[in-house]
Amino acid sequence: MSQDNLIKLECTECHHVNYHSHKNKKTLKARLEINKYCRWCKKHQLHKETK
């Protein structure tokens, strides 16, 4: 993965960075919001893209 397309996904409840992913920044301008599993909260939570 190239570094310019790499994003971090952070849990909205506990604010841990749990996932790294990539996206096409030319086609997707808004920040991603995905329901993913948080191992610190031990349940599925909303994860938002951070810088």
N, C-alpha and C. Protein backbone atom coordinates (compact mmCIF):
# COMPACT_ATOMS: atom_id res chain seq x y z
N MET A 1 0.84 -1.19 0.00
CA MET A 1 0.00 0.00 0.00
C MET A 1 0.88 1.24 0.00
N SER A 2 0.46 2.20 -0.76
CA SER A 2 1.22 3.44 -0.75
C SER A 2 0.79 4.30 0.44
N GLN A 3 1.70 5.10 0.94
CA GLN A 3 1.46 5.87 2.16
C GLN A 3 0.41 6.96 1.96
N ASP A 4 0.26 7.50 0.76
CA ASP A 4 -0.70 8.59 0.57
C ASP A 4 -2.14 8.09 0.56
N ASN A 5 -2.38 6.81 0.32
CA ASN A 5 -3.73 6.26 0.34
C ASN A 5 -4.06 5.57 1.66
N LEU A 6 -3.13 5.54 2.58
CA LEU A 6 -3.33 4.83 3.85
C LEU A 6 -4.13 5.69 4.82
N ILE A 7 -5.14 5.09 5.46
CA ILE A 7 -5.96 5.80 6.45
C ILE A 7 -6.01 4.98 7.73
N LYS A 8 -6.33 5.64 8.84
CA LYS A 8 -6.50 4.98 10.13
C LYS A 8 -7.97 5.06 10.51
N LEU A 9 -8.49 3.98 11.10
CA LEU A 9 -9.87 3.95 11.57
C LEU A 9 -9.85 3.89 13.10
N GLU A 10 -10.52 4.86 13.72
CA GLU A 10 -10.51 5.01 15.17
C GLU A 10 -11.91 4.76 15.72
N CYS A 11 -11.98 4.07 16.85
CA CYS A 11 -13.25 3.80 17.52
C CYS A 11 -13.80 5.12 18.08
N THR A 12 -15.10 5.33 17.92
CA THR A 12 -15.71 6.57 18.41
C THR A 12 -15.96 6.55 19.91
N GLU A 13 -15.97 5.36 20.53
CA GLU A 13 -16.22 5.27 21.96
C GLU A 13 -14.93 5.37 22.79
N CYS A 14 -13.96 4.51 22.51
CA CYS A 14 -12.74 4.47 23.32
C CYS A 14 -11.56 5.19 22.66
N HIS A 15 -11.68 5.58 21.42
CA HIS A 15 -10.67 6.35 20.66
C HIS A 15 -9.36 5.60 20.46
N HIS A 16 -9.43 4.27 20.36
CA HIS A 16 -8.26 3.48 19.99
C HIS A 16 -8.22 3.34 18.47
N VAL A 17 -7.03 3.39 17.89
CA VAL A 17 -6.86 3.15 16.46
C VAL A 17 -6.74 1.65 16.27
N ASN A 18 -7.76 1.04 15.71
CA ASN A 18 -7.83 -0.41 15.61
C ASN A 18 -7.51 -0.93 14.22
N TYR A 19 -7.76 -0.17 13.19
CA TYR A 19 -7.63 -0.66 11.83
C TYR A 19 -6.88 0.35 10.96
N HIS A 20 -6.18 -0.17 9.96
CA HIS A 20 -5.57 0.62 8.91
C HIS A 20 -6.13 0.11 7.59
N SER A 21 -6.43 1.03 6.70
CA SER A 21 -7.01 0.64 5.41
C SER A 21 -6.52 1.64 4.37
N HIS A 22 -7.05 1.53 3.17
CA HIS A 22 -6.71 2.48 2.12
C HIS A 22 -7.96 2.83 1.36
N LYS A 23 -7.95 4.00 0.72
CA LYS A 23 -9.08 4.43 -0.08
C LYS A 23 -8.58 5.29 -1.23
N ASN A 24 -9.41 5.40 -2.24
CA ASN A 24 -9.11 6.26 -3.38
C ASN A 24 -9.57 7.67 -3.02
N LYS A 25 -8.62 8.56 -2.75
CA LYS A 25 -8.96 9.90 -2.30
C LYS A 25 -9.49 10.80 -3.42
N LYS A 26 -9.32 10.37 -4.68
CA LYS A 26 -9.88 11.15 -5.78
C LYS A 26 -11.38 10.97 -5.91
N THR A 27 -11.87 9.77 -5.60
CA THR A 27 -13.30 9.52 -5.75
C THR A 27 -14.07 9.66 -4.44
N LEU A 28 -13.43 9.41 -3.31
CA LEU A 28 -14.08 9.52 -2.00
C LEU A 28 -13.52 10.72 -1.25
N LYS A 29 -14.26 11.81 -1.21
CA LYS A 29 -13.79 13.02 -0.53
C LYS A 29 -14.15 13.02 0.95
N ALA A 30 -15.29 12.44 1.32
CA ALA A 30 -15.72 12.44 2.72
C ALA A 30 -14.97 11.39 3.51
N ARG A 31 -14.95 11.56 4.83
CA ARG A 31 -14.29 10.59 5.70
C ARG A 31 -15.15 9.34 5.85
N LEU A 32 -14.49 8.19 5.93
CA LEU A 32 -15.20 6.93 6.05
C LEU A 32 -15.75 6.73 7.46
N GLU A 33 -16.92 6.11 7.55
CA GLU A 33 -17.52 5.70 8.82
C GLU A 33 -18.02 4.28 8.64
N ILE A 34 -17.42 3.34 9.37
CA ILE A 34 -17.71 1.92 9.20
C ILE A 34 -17.94 1.30 10.57
N ASN A 35 -18.92 0.40 10.66
CA ASN A 35 -19.10 -0.39 11.88
C ASN A 35 -18.14 -1.55 11.85
N LYS A 36 -17.19 -1.56 12.80
CA LYS A 36 -16.18 -2.61 12.91
C LYS A 36 -16.11 -3.06 14.36
N TYR A 37 -15.47 -4.21 14.59
CA TYR A 37 -15.32 -4.74 15.95
C TYR A 37 -14.16 -4.05 16.67
N CYS A 38 -14.42 -3.59 17.88
CA CYS A 38 -13.40 -2.99 18.73
C CYS A 38 -13.05 -3.99 19.81
N ARG A 39 -11.79 -4.37 19.91
CA ARG A 39 -11.41 -5.38 20.90
C ARG A 39 -11.29 -4.81 22.30
N TRP A 40 -11.24 -3.50 22.45
CA TRP A 40 -11.22 -2.90 23.78
C TRP A 40 -12.64 -2.73 24.32
N CYS A 41 -13.58 -2.38 23.48
CA CYS A 41 -14.98 -2.27 23.90
C CYS A 41 -15.67 -3.64 23.88
N LYS A 42 -15.09 -4.58 23.16
CA LYS A 42 -15.60 -5.94 23.01
C LYS A 42 -16.98 -6.00 22.37
N LYS A 43 -17.21 -5.10 21.39
CA LYS A 43 -18.44 -5.13 20.61
C LYS A 43 -18.23 -4.30 19.35
N HIS A 44 -19.20 -4.37 18.45
CA HIS A 44 -19.12 -3.60 17.22
C HIS A 44 -19.44 -2.13 17.52
N GLN A 45 -18.58 -1.26 17.03
CA GLN A 45 -18.73 0.18 17.23
C GLN A 45 -18.51 0.89 15.91
N LEU A 46 -18.93 2.13 15.85
CA LEU A 46 -18.68 2.96 14.68
C LEU A 46 -17.22 3.40 14.70
N HIS A 47 -16.51 3.19 13.61
CA HIS A 47 -15.12 3.62 13.46
C HIS A 47 -15.07 4.70 12.40
N LYS A 48 -14.39 5.79 12.71
CA LYS A 48 -14.26 6.91 11.78
C LYS A 48 -12.82 7.06 11.33
N GLU A 49 -12.67 7.59 10.16
CA GLU A 49 -11.34 7.84 9.60
C GLU A 49 -10.68 9.01 10.31
N THR A 50 -9.40 8.87 10.64
CA THR A 50 -8.63 9.94 11.24
C THR A 50 -7.48 10.32 10.32
N LYS A 51 -6.77 11.37 10.68
CA LYS A 51 -5.65 11.80 9.86
C LYS A 51 -4.44 10.92 10.04
